[in-house]
Amino acid sequence: LGGDALCAMIERPSVAIRILGKSEDKFIETRATTFFGSGNNIVVRGDLNRRTLLAGLDPRVELPELRQFKGNPVAGVMDDRGAYIAACLTICKAYIVAGHPGLPPRLASFEDWSDTVRGALIWCGKADCVLSMELTRADDPERTEINCMLEAWIDAVGTGTRTTLSTILAM
């Protein structure tokens, strides 16, 4: 999962999207939009790593697709969504009123979210979700390719050595 368009939609307040089959762009508001993806063994690549937080769901059963629920949990949340939203906003407000105790280092491009939502979750004793970015970086195939290229470069040329591309190609 990756790509410049997705990165832009996550980080910018609006983006220009070309209309399929036309030489015309449509500006789309993306402010306050959150993208969710789910799947097994998803690999995040490139710049999307710094824009991705991982969440794991463990149903603690071998065949989660066969679980049966009393009632409809999604409908229950939707019916009471105002109360859930109020609870989330109350937590953030309490954190702000308390003076942002234990404010974590700001996450570039997401400073307001980092200062309020992330900080409030950590203040409530939850793990820092930003640490999950390292897990996506570790599995990034683009990062792996660049590291392999750099290791090959060091093996061929060494470090601290100035050279030209023609010299490298002649090796």
N, C-alpha and C. Protein backbone atom coordinates (compact mmCIF):
# COMPACT_ATOMS: atom_id res chain seq x y z
N LEU A 1 0.86 -1.16 0.00
CA LEU A 1 0.00 0.00 0.00
C LEU A 1 0.90 1.22 0.00
N GLY A 2 0.68 2.12 -0.91
CA GLY A 2 1.49 3.33 -0.97
C GLY A 2 1.08 4.19 -2.14
N GLY A 3 1.86 5.20 -2.41
CA GLY A 3 1.62 6.06 -3.56
C GLY A 3 1.50 7.51 -3.17
N ASP A 4 1.95 8.37 -4.10
CA ASP A 4 1.94 9.81 -3.85
C ASP A 4 0.53 10.37 -3.68
N ALA A 5 -0.43 9.87 -4.44
CA ALA A 5 -1.80 10.40 -4.35
C ALA A 5 -2.39 10.14 -2.97
N LEU A 6 -2.21 8.94 -2.45
CA LEU A 6 -2.73 8.61 -1.12
C LEU A 6 -2.02 9.44 -0.06
N CYS A 7 -0.71 9.60 -0.18
CA CYS A 7 0.03 10.44 0.78
C CYS A 7 -0.50 11.87 0.77
N ALA A 8 -0.76 12.41 -0.41
CA ALA A 8 -1.26 13.78 -0.51
C ALA A 8 -2.65 13.90 0.11
N MET A 9 -3.52 12.93 -0.13
CA MET A 9 -4.87 12.99 0.42
C MET A 9 -4.87 12.92 1.94
N ILE A 10 -3.92 12.20 2.51
CA ILE A 10 -3.84 12.06 3.96
C ILE A 10 -3.35 13.35 4.60
N GLU A 11 -2.43 14.04 3.96
CA GLU A 11 -1.74 15.14 4.61
C GLU A 11 -2.25 16.53 4.25
N ARG A 12 -2.82 16.70 3.08
CA ARG A 12 -3.21 18.03 2.62
C ARG A 12 -4.69 18.29 2.86
N PRO A 13 -5.06 19.57 3.03
CA PRO A 13 -6.48 19.88 3.26
C PRO A 13 -7.34 19.70 2.02
N SER A 14 -6.73 19.78 0.84
CA SER A 14 -7.46 19.52 -0.41
C SER A 14 -6.47 19.04 -1.46
N VAL A 15 -6.97 18.28 -2.42
CA VAL A 15 -6.14 17.75 -3.49
C VAL A 15 -6.87 17.90 -4.82
N ALA A 16 -6.09 17.99 -5.88
CA ALA A 16 -6.65 18.03 -7.23
C ALA A 16 -6.60 16.62 -7.80
N ILE A 17 -7.74 16.11 -8.20
CA ILE A 17 -7.86 14.78 -8.77
C ILE A 17 -8.31 14.93 -10.22
N ARG A 18 -7.58 14.31 -11.14
CA ARG A 18 -7.97 14.37 -12.55
C ARG A 18 -9.17 13.47 -12.77
N ILE A 19 -10.16 14.02 -13.45
CA ILE A 19 -11.37 13.26 -13.78
C ILE A 19 -11.02 12.25 -14.86
N LEU A 20 -11.35 11.00 -14.62
CA LEU A 20 -11.02 9.92 -15.54
C LEU A 20 -11.59 10.20 -16.93
N GLY A 21 -10.73 10.15 -17.94
CA GLY A 21 -11.14 10.35 -19.32
C GLY A 21 -11.21 11.81 -19.74
N LYS A 22 -10.83 12.72 -18.85
CA LYS A 22 -10.87 14.14 -19.18
C LYS A 22 -9.56 14.80 -18.78
N SER A 23 -9.27 15.92 -19.39
CA SER A 23 -8.12 16.72 -18.99
C SER A 23 -8.60 17.81 -18.06
N GLU A 24 -9.26 17.38 -17.00
CA GLU A 24 -9.88 18.32 -16.06
C GLU A 24 -9.66 17.82 -14.64
N ASP A 25 -9.29 18.74 -13.76
CA ASP A 25 -9.08 18.39 -12.35
C ASP A 25 -10.28 18.82 -11.53
N LYS A 26 -10.55 18.05 -10.50
CA LYS A 26 -11.59 18.38 -9.53
C LYS A 26 -10.89 18.51 -8.19
N PHE A 27 -11.13 19.63 -7.48
CA PHE A 27 -10.54 19.82 -6.17
C PHE A 27 -11.44 19.17 -5.12
N ILE A 28 -10.84 18.33 -4.30
CA ILE A 28 -11.55 17.57 -3.29
C ILE A 28 -11.04 18.00 -1.91
N GLU A 29 -11.96 18.34 -1.01
CA GLU A 29 -11.60 18.65 0.37
C GLU A 29 -11.26 17.35 1.09
N THR A 30 -10.08 17.28 1.69
CA THR A 30 -9.70 16.08 2.43
C THR A 30 -9.43 16.38 3.90
N ARG A 31 -9.68 17.61 4.31
CA ARG A 31 -9.47 18.01 5.71
C ARG A 31 -10.30 17.11 6.61
N ALA A 32 -9.69 16.60 7.66
CA ALA A 32 -10.37 15.76 8.66
C ALA A 32 -10.84 14.43 8.09
N THR A 33 -10.24 13.98 7.01
CA THR A 33 -10.58 12.68 6.44
C THR A 33 -9.60 11.65 6.97
N THR A 34 -10.10 10.52 7.38
CA THR A 34 -9.27 9.43 7.84
C THR A 34 -9.49 8.25 6.92
N PHE A 35 -8.42 7.62 6.50
CA PHE A 35 -8.50 6.45 5.64
C PHE A 35 -8.21 5.21 6.48
N PHE A 36 -9.02 4.19 6.31
CA PHE A 36 -8.81 2.93 7.01
C PHE A 36 -8.60 1.85 5.96
N GLY A 37 -7.68 0.96 6.23
CA GLY A 37 -7.45 -0.19 5.37
C GLY A 37 -7.36 -1.43 6.24
N SER A 38 -7.83 -2.52 5.72
CA SER A 38 -7.71 -3.76 6.49
C SER A 38 -7.31 -4.89 5.57
N GLY A 39 -6.70 -5.87 6.14
CA GLY A 39 -6.29 -7.02 5.36
C GLY A 39 -5.22 -7.80 6.12
N ASN A 40 -4.85 -8.90 5.55
CA ASN A 40 -3.80 -9.73 6.15
C ASN A 40 -2.49 -9.47 5.42
N ASN A 41 -1.43 -9.31 6.18
CA ASN A 41 -0.08 -9.14 5.64
C ASN A 41 0.05 -7.96 4.69
N ILE A 42 -0.61 -6.86 5.00
CA ILE A 42 -0.47 -5.65 4.19
C ILE A 42 0.93 -5.08 4.40
N VAL A 43 1.56 -4.65 3.33
CA VAL A 43 2.88 -4.03 3.40
C VAL A 43 2.73 -2.57 2.98
N VAL A 44 3.17 -1.68 3.85
CA VAL A 44 3.13 -0.25 3.56
C VAL A 44 4.48 0.13 2.99
N ARG A 45 4.47 0.96 1.92
CA ARG A 45 5.74 1.28 1.28
C ARG A 45 5.93 2.79 1.16
N GLY A 46 7.20 3.15 1.07
CA GLY A 46 7.58 4.54 0.78
C GLY A 46 7.14 5.53 1.83
N ASP A 47 6.75 6.72 1.35
CA ASP A 47 6.39 7.82 2.24
C ASP A 47 5.11 7.56 3.03
N LEU A 48 4.33 6.56 2.64
CA LEU A 48 3.11 6.28 3.39
C LEU A 48 3.43 5.78 4.80
N ASN A 49 4.64 5.26 5.02
CA ASN A 49 5.02 4.77 6.35
C ASN A 49 4.85 5.83 7.43
N ARG A 50 5.25 7.07 7.15
CA ARG A 50 5.17 8.11 8.17
C ARG A 50 3.75 8.64 8.35
N ARG A 51 2.83 8.13 7.55
CA ARG A 51 1.43 8.54 7.64
C ARG A 51 0.54 7.38 8.07
N THR A 52 1.14 6.30 8.54
CA THR A 52 0.39 5.08 8.84
C THR A 52 0.54 4.68 10.31
N LEU A 53 -0.59 4.39 10.93
CA LEU A 53 -0.61 3.83 12.27
C LEU A 53 -1.24 2.44 12.17
N LEU A 54 -0.63 1.47 12.82
CA LEU A 54 -1.15 0.11 12.80
C LEU A 54 -2.04 -0.15 14.00
N ALA A 55 -3.07 -0.92 13.76
CA ALA A 55 -3.93 -1.39 14.84
C ALA A 55 -4.17 -2.88 14.61
N GLY A 56 -3.98 -3.66 15.64
CA GLY A 56 -4.21 -5.09 15.52
C GLY A 56 -5.50 -5.49 16.21
N LEU A 57 -6.24 -6.35 15.59
CA LEU A 57 -7.48 -6.86 16.18
C LEU A 57 -7.30 -8.35 16.43
N ASP A 58 -7.46 -8.75 17.66
CA ASP A 58 -7.34 -10.16 18.00
C ASP A 58 -8.65 -10.63 18.61
N PRO A 59 -9.47 -11.35 17.83
CA PRO A 59 -10.76 -11.81 18.35
C PRO A 59 -10.65 -12.96 19.34
N ARG A 60 -9.44 -13.53 19.45
CA ARG A 60 -9.15 -14.63 20.38
C ARG A 60 -9.98 -15.87 20.12
N VAL A 61 -10.29 -16.07 18.86
CA VAL A 61 -10.95 -17.31 18.42
C VAL A 61 -10.31 -17.73 17.11
N GLU A 62 -10.33 -19.02 16.84
CA GLU A 62 -9.68 -19.53 15.63
C GLU A 62 -10.40 -19.09 14.36
N LEU A 63 -11.70 -19.06 14.39
CA LEU A 63 -12.49 -18.71 13.20
C LEU A 63 -13.36 -17.49 13.50
N PRO A 64 -12.77 -16.29 13.45
CA PRO A 64 -13.52 -15.10 13.83
C PRO A 64 -14.73 -14.82 12.93
N GLU A 65 -14.66 -15.29 11.71
CA GLU A 65 -15.78 -15.04 10.79
C GLU A 65 -17.06 -15.78 11.20
N LEU A 66 -16.93 -16.75 12.11
CA LEU A 66 -18.09 -17.52 12.56
C LEU A 66 -18.65 -17.02 13.90
N ARG A 67 -18.06 -15.96 14.44
CA ARG A 67 -18.56 -15.44 15.72
C ARG A 67 -19.99 -14.96 15.58
N GLN A 68 -20.73 -15.13 16.65
CA GLN A 68 -22.11 -14.65 16.70
C GLN A 68 -22.20 -13.62 17.83
N PHE A 69 -22.88 -12.54 17.56
CA PHE A 69 -23.04 -11.47 18.54
C PHE A 69 -24.49 -11.38 18.96
N LYS A 70 -24.69 -10.97 20.21
CA LYS A 70 -26.04 -10.65 20.67
C LYS A 70 -26.33 -9.24 20.17
N GLY A 71 -27.27 -9.11 19.30
CA GLY A 71 -27.56 -7.80 18.72
C GLY A 71 -26.57 -7.46 17.62
N ASN A 72 -26.56 -6.22 17.21
CA ASN A 72 -25.70 -5.74 16.13
C ASN A 72 -24.76 -4.69 16.71
N PRO A 73 -23.46 -5.06 16.96
CA PRO A 73 -22.55 -4.11 17.60
C PRO A 73 -22.34 -2.83 16.80
N VAL A 74 -22.32 -2.91 15.48
CA VAL A 74 -22.13 -1.71 14.66
C VAL A 74 -23.34 -0.79 14.82
N ALA A 75 -24.53 -1.36 14.75
CA ALA A 75 -25.74 -0.55 14.92
C ALA A 75 -25.78 0.07 16.32
N GLY A 76 -25.33 -0.68 17.34
CA GLY A 76 -25.30 -0.15 18.70
C GLY A 76 -24.41 1.06 18.82
N VAL A 77 -23.24 0.99 18.21
CA VAL A 77 -22.31 2.13 18.24
C VAL A 77 -22.91 3.30 17.46
N MET A 78 -23.48 3.02 16.30
CA MET A 78 -24.07 4.10 15.51
C MET A 78 -25.25 4.75 16.24
N ASP A 79 -26.03 3.96 16.93
CA ASP A 79 -27.17 4.52 17.68
C ASP A 79 -26.70 5.45 18.79
N ASP A 80 -25.55 5.14 19.40
CA ASP A 80 -25.03 5.93 20.51
C ASP A 80 -23.80 6.74 20.11
N ARG A 81 -23.63 7.02 18.83
CA ARG A 81 -22.39 7.66 18.39
C ARG A 81 -22.18 9.02 19.03
N GLY A 82 -23.23 9.75 19.33
CA GLY A 82 -23.09 11.04 20.00
C GLY A 82 -22.41 10.90 21.35
N ALA A 83 -22.79 9.87 22.09
CA ALA A 83 -22.18 9.64 23.41
C ALA A 83 -20.71 9.26 23.26
N TYR A 84 -20.39 8.46 22.26
CA TYR A 84 -18.99 8.07 22.02
C TYR A 84 -18.16 9.29 21.62
N ILE A 85 -18.70 10.12 20.74
CA ILE A 85 -17.98 11.32 20.31
C ILE A 85 -17.79 12.26 21.50
N ALA A 86 -18.85 12.42 22.31
CA ALA A 86 -18.75 13.29 23.49
C ALA A 86 -17.67 12.78 24.45
N ALA A 87 -17.59 11.46 24.64
CA ALA A 87 -16.58 10.89 25.53
C ALA A 87 -15.17 11.18 24.99
N CYS A 88 -14.97 11.02 23.69
CA CYS A 88 -13.65 11.30 23.09
C CYS A 88 -13.28 12.77 23.25
N LEU A 89 -14.23 13.65 22.99
CA LEU A 89 -13.96 15.09 23.12
C LEU A 89 -13.72 15.47 24.58
N THR A 90 -14.42 14.82 25.51
CA THR A 90 -14.22 15.09 26.94
C THR A 90 -12.80 14.71 27.37
N ILE A 91 -12.32 13.58 26.89
CA ILE A 91 -10.95 13.15 27.21
C ILE A 91 -9.95 14.18 26.69
N CYS A 92 -10.12 14.62 25.44
CA CYS A 92 -9.21 15.61 24.86
C CYS A 92 -9.29 16.93 25.63
N LYS A 93 -10.50 17.36 25.97
CA LYS A 93 -10.67 18.61 26.73
C LYS A 93 -10.00 18.51 28.10
N ALA A 94 -10.16 17.38 28.78
CA ALA A 94 -9.54 17.19 30.09
C ALA A 94 -8.03 17.26 29.98
N TYR A 95 -7.48 16.69 28.93
CA TYR A 95 -6.04 16.72 28.71
C TYR A 95 -5.56 18.16 28.48
N ILE A 96 -6.31 18.91 27.70
CA ILE A 96 -5.95 20.30 27.44
C ILE A 96 -6.03 21.12 28.73
N VAL A 97 -7.12 20.96 29.50
CA VAL A 97 -7.31 21.70 30.75
C VAL A 97 -6.20 21.35 31.75
N ALA A 98 -5.75 20.09 31.73
CA ALA A 98 -4.66 19.67 32.63
C ALA A 98 -3.32 20.25 32.20
N GLY A 99 -3.27 20.91 31.06
CA GLY A 99 -2.03 21.56 30.60
C GLY A 99 -1.16 20.68 29.73
N HIS A 100 -1.75 19.71 29.04
CA HIS A 100 -1.00 18.81 28.16
C HIS A 100 0.14 18.09 28.90
N PRO A 101 -0.13 17.45 30.03
CA PRO A 101 0.96 16.78 30.76
C PRO A 101 1.57 15.65 29.94
N GLY A 102 2.89 15.55 29.99
CA GLY A 102 3.58 14.49 29.27
C GLY A 102 3.46 14.61 27.76
N LEU A 103 3.37 15.82 27.27
CA LEU A 103 3.21 16.06 25.82
C LEU A 103 4.29 15.32 25.04
N PRO A 104 3.91 14.43 24.12
CA PRO A 104 4.93 13.70 23.36
C PRO A 104 5.58 14.60 22.30
N PRO A 105 6.73 14.19 21.78
CA PRO A 105 7.34 14.96 20.69
C PRO A 105 6.35 15.07 19.54
N ARG A 106 6.29 16.23 18.91
CA ARG A 106 5.32 16.47 17.84
C ARG A 106 5.64 15.63 16.62
N LEU A 107 4.60 15.17 15.97
CA LEU A 107 4.74 14.42 14.73
C LEU A 107 4.58 15.40 13.57
N ALA A 108 5.65 15.59 12.80
CA ALA A 108 5.65 16.56 11.72
C ALA A 108 4.47 16.34 10.77
N SER A 109 3.83 17.41 10.40
CA SER A 109 2.67 17.47 9.50
C SER A 109 1.37 17.11 10.20
N PHE A 110 1.45 16.56 11.41
CA PHE A 110 0.27 16.18 12.16
C PHE A 110 0.36 16.72 13.59
N GLU A 111 0.88 17.94 13.72
CA GLU A 111 1.17 18.52 15.03
C GLU A 111 -0.07 18.63 15.91
N ASP A 112 -1.16 19.15 15.38
CA ASP A 112 -2.37 19.34 16.19
C ASP A 112 -2.91 18.01 16.69
N TRP A 113 -2.97 17.03 15.80
CA TRP A 113 -3.42 15.69 16.19
C TRP A 113 -2.49 15.10 17.25
N SER A 114 -1.19 15.25 17.03
CA SER A 114 -0.20 14.71 17.95
C SER A 114 -0.33 15.35 19.33
N ASP A 115 -0.50 16.68 19.36
CA ASP A 115 -0.59 17.40 20.63
C ASP A 115 -1.87 17.08 21.39
N THR A 116 -2.94 16.80 20.68
CA THR A 116 -4.23 16.63 21.35
C THR A 116 -4.64 15.16 21.47
N VAL A 117 -4.87 14.50 20.35
CA VAL A 117 -5.39 13.13 20.39
C VAL A 117 -4.32 12.16 20.90
N ARG A 118 -3.17 12.18 20.28
CA ARG A 118 -2.08 11.27 20.68
C ARG A 118 -1.68 11.53 22.13
N GLY A 119 -1.47 12.82 22.47
CA GLY A 119 -1.09 13.16 23.83
C GLY A 119 -2.12 12.72 24.85
N ALA A 120 -3.41 12.90 24.54
CA ALA A 120 -4.48 12.50 25.46
C ALA A 120 -4.50 10.98 25.65
N LEU A 121 -4.30 10.23 24.58
CA LEU A 121 -4.28 8.76 24.70
C LEU A 121 -3.13 8.29 25.57
N ILE A 122 -1.96 8.87 25.38
CA ILE A 122 -0.80 8.51 26.21
C ILE A 122 -1.08 8.90 27.66
N TRP A 123 -1.66 10.07 27.87
CA TRP A 123 -2.01 10.55 29.21
C TRP A 123 -2.98 9.58 29.90
N CYS A 124 -3.85 8.94 29.10
CA CYS A 124 -4.80 7.95 29.64
C CYS A 124 -4.16 6.58 29.86
N GLY A 125 -2.86 6.48 29.60
CA GLY A 125 -2.17 5.22 29.86
C GLY A 125 -2.10 4.28 28.67
N LYS A 126 -2.49 4.75 27.51
CA LYS A 126 -2.42 3.92 26.31
C LYS A 126 -1.04 4.03 25.68
N ALA A 127 -0.67 3.02 24.91
CA ALA A 127 0.63 3.01 24.24
C ALA A 127 0.68 4.11 23.18
N ASP A 128 1.85 4.61 22.91
CA ASP A 128 2.04 5.62 21.87
C ASP A 128 1.88 4.96 20.51
N CYS A 129 0.78 5.28 19.84
CA CYS A 129 0.47 4.64 18.55
C CYS A 129 1.50 4.98 17.47
N VAL A 130 2.23 6.08 17.64
CA VAL A 130 3.24 6.46 16.64
C VAL A 130 4.38 5.44 16.59
N LEU A 131 4.59 4.70 17.67
CA LEU A 131 5.65 3.69 17.67
C LEU A 131 5.39 2.60 16.63
N SER A 132 4.13 2.42 16.22
CA SER A 132 3.81 1.40 15.22
C SER A 132 4.39 1.75 13.84
N MET A 133 4.76 3.01 13.64
CA MET A 133 5.37 3.40 12.36
C MET A 133 6.66 2.63 12.10
N GLU A 134 7.39 2.33 13.16
CA GLU A 134 8.64 1.58 13.00
C GLU A 134 8.38 0.19 12.46
N LEU A 135 7.24 -0.41 12.81
CA LEU A 135 6.91 -1.74 12.29
C LEU A 135 6.67 -1.68 10.78
N THR A 136 5.99 -0.63 10.32
CA THR A 136 5.75 -0.53 8.88
C THR A 136 7.05 -0.23 8.13
N ARG A 137 7.90 0.60 8.72
CA ARG A 137 9.18 0.91 8.08
C ARG A 137 10.06 -0.34 7.95
N ALA A 138 10.03 -1.18 8.96
CA ALA A 138 10.87 -2.39 8.94
C ALA A 138 10.50 -3.33 7.81
N ASP A 139 9.23 -3.32 7.39
CA ASP A 139 8.77 -4.20 6.31
C ASP A 139 8.69 -3.52 4.96
N ASP A 140 9.11 -2.27 4.86
CA ASP A 140 8.98 -1.49 3.63
C ASP A 140 9.92 -2.01 2.54
N PRO A 141 9.38 -2.52 1.42
CA PRO A 141 10.25 -3.04 0.36
C PRO A 141 11.11 -1.95 -0.29
N GLU A 142 10.61 -0.72 -0.38
CA GLU A 142 11.41 0.37 -0.95
C GLU A 142 12.61 0.68 -0.06
N ARG A 143 12.38 0.70 1.23
CA ARG A 143 13.48 0.96 2.17
C ARG A 143 14.51 -0.16 2.11
N THR A 144 14.04 -1.40 1.99
CA THR A 144 14.94 -2.54 1.88
C THR A 144 15.80 -2.43 0.62
N GLU A 145 15.18 -2.05 -0.50
CA GLU A 145 15.94 -1.90 -1.76
C GLU A 145 17.00 -0.81 -1.65
N ILE A 146 16.63 0.32 -1.05
CA ILE A 146 17.58 1.42 -0.89
C ILE A 146 18.73 0.99 0.02
N ASN A 147 18.42 0.30 1.11
CA ASN A 147 19.48 -0.17 2.01
C ASN A 147 20.41 -1.14 1.31
N CYS A 148 19.86 -2.04 0.50
CA CYS A 148 20.70 -2.98 -0.26
C CYS A 148 21.61 -2.25 -1.24
N MET A 149 21.05 -1.24 -1.90
CA MET A 149 21.85 -0.45 -2.85
C MET A 149 22.97 0.28 -2.12
N LEU A 150 22.65 0.86 -0.97
CA LEU A 150 23.68 1.59 -0.22
C LEU A 150 24.77 0.65 0.30
N GLU A 151 24.38 -0.54 0.74
CA GLU A 151 25.38 -1.52 1.19
C GLU A 151 26.28 -1.95 0.03
N ALA A 152 25.69 -2.15 -1.14
CA ALA A 152 26.49 -2.51 -2.32
C ALA A 152 27.43 -1.37 -2.69
N TRP A 153 26.96 -0.14 -2.58
CA TRP A 153 27.79 1.03 -2.88
C TRP A 153 28.98 1.07 -1.92
N ILE A 154 28.72 0.86 -0.63
CA ILE A 154 29.80 0.88 0.36
C ILE A 154 30.81 -0.24 0.09
N ASP A 155 30.29 -1.42 -0.28
CA ASP A 155 31.18 -2.54 -0.61
C ASP A 155 32.06 -2.21 -1.81
N ALA A 156 31.49 -1.53 -2.82
CA ALA A 156 32.23 -1.25 -4.05
C ALA A 156 33.15 -0.04 -3.91
N VAL A 157 32.68 1.00 -3.23
CA VAL A 157 33.41 2.27 -3.21
C VAL A 157 33.99 2.57 -1.83
N GLY A 158 33.32 2.12 -0.78
CA GLY A 158 33.73 2.47 0.57
C GLY A 158 33.00 3.71 1.03
N THR A 159 33.40 4.20 2.17
CA THR A 159 32.79 5.42 2.69
C THR A 159 33.83 6.52 2.73
N GLY A 160 33.36 7.76 2.62
CA GLY A 160 34.27 8.90 2.67
C GLY A 160 35.11 9.05 1.42
N THR A 161 34.76 8.33 0.36
CA THR A 161 35.53 8.38 -0.89
C THR A 161 34.73 9.14 -1.94
N ARG A 162 35.36 10.10 -2.58
CA ARG A 162 34.70 10.82 -3.66
C ARG A 162 34.97 10.06 -4.96
N THR A 163 33.94 9.95 -5.77
CA THR A 163 34.10 9.25 -7.06
C THR A 163 33.08 9.81 -8.03
N THR A 164 33.16 9.33 -9.26
CA THR A 164 32.20 9.76 -10.30
C THR A 164 31.40 8.55 -10.74
N LEU A 165 30.29 8.82 -11.38
CA LEU A 165 29.44 7.73 -11.87
C LEU A 165 30.19 6.94 -12.95
N SER A 166 30.97 7.59 -13.78
CA SER A 166 31.71 6.87 -14.83
C SER A 166 32.71 5.89 -14.21
N THR A 167 33.30 6.25 -13.08
CA THR A 167 34.20 5.33 -12.38
C THR A 167 33.42 4.13 -11.85
N ILE A 168 32.25 4.36 -11.30
CA ILE A 168 31.43 3.28 -10.77
C ILE A 168 31.00 2.34 -11.91
N LEU A 169 30.57 2.91 -13.03
CA LEU A 169 30.13 2.10 -14.15
C LEU A 169 31.28 1.27 -14.75
N ALA A 170 32.50 1.76 -14.63
CA ALA A 170 33.65 1.04 -15.16
C ALA A 170 34.07 -0.13 -14.26
N MET A 171 33.58 -0.20 -13.05
CA MET A 171 33.96 -1.27 -12.11
C MET A 171 33.41 -2.61 -12.54
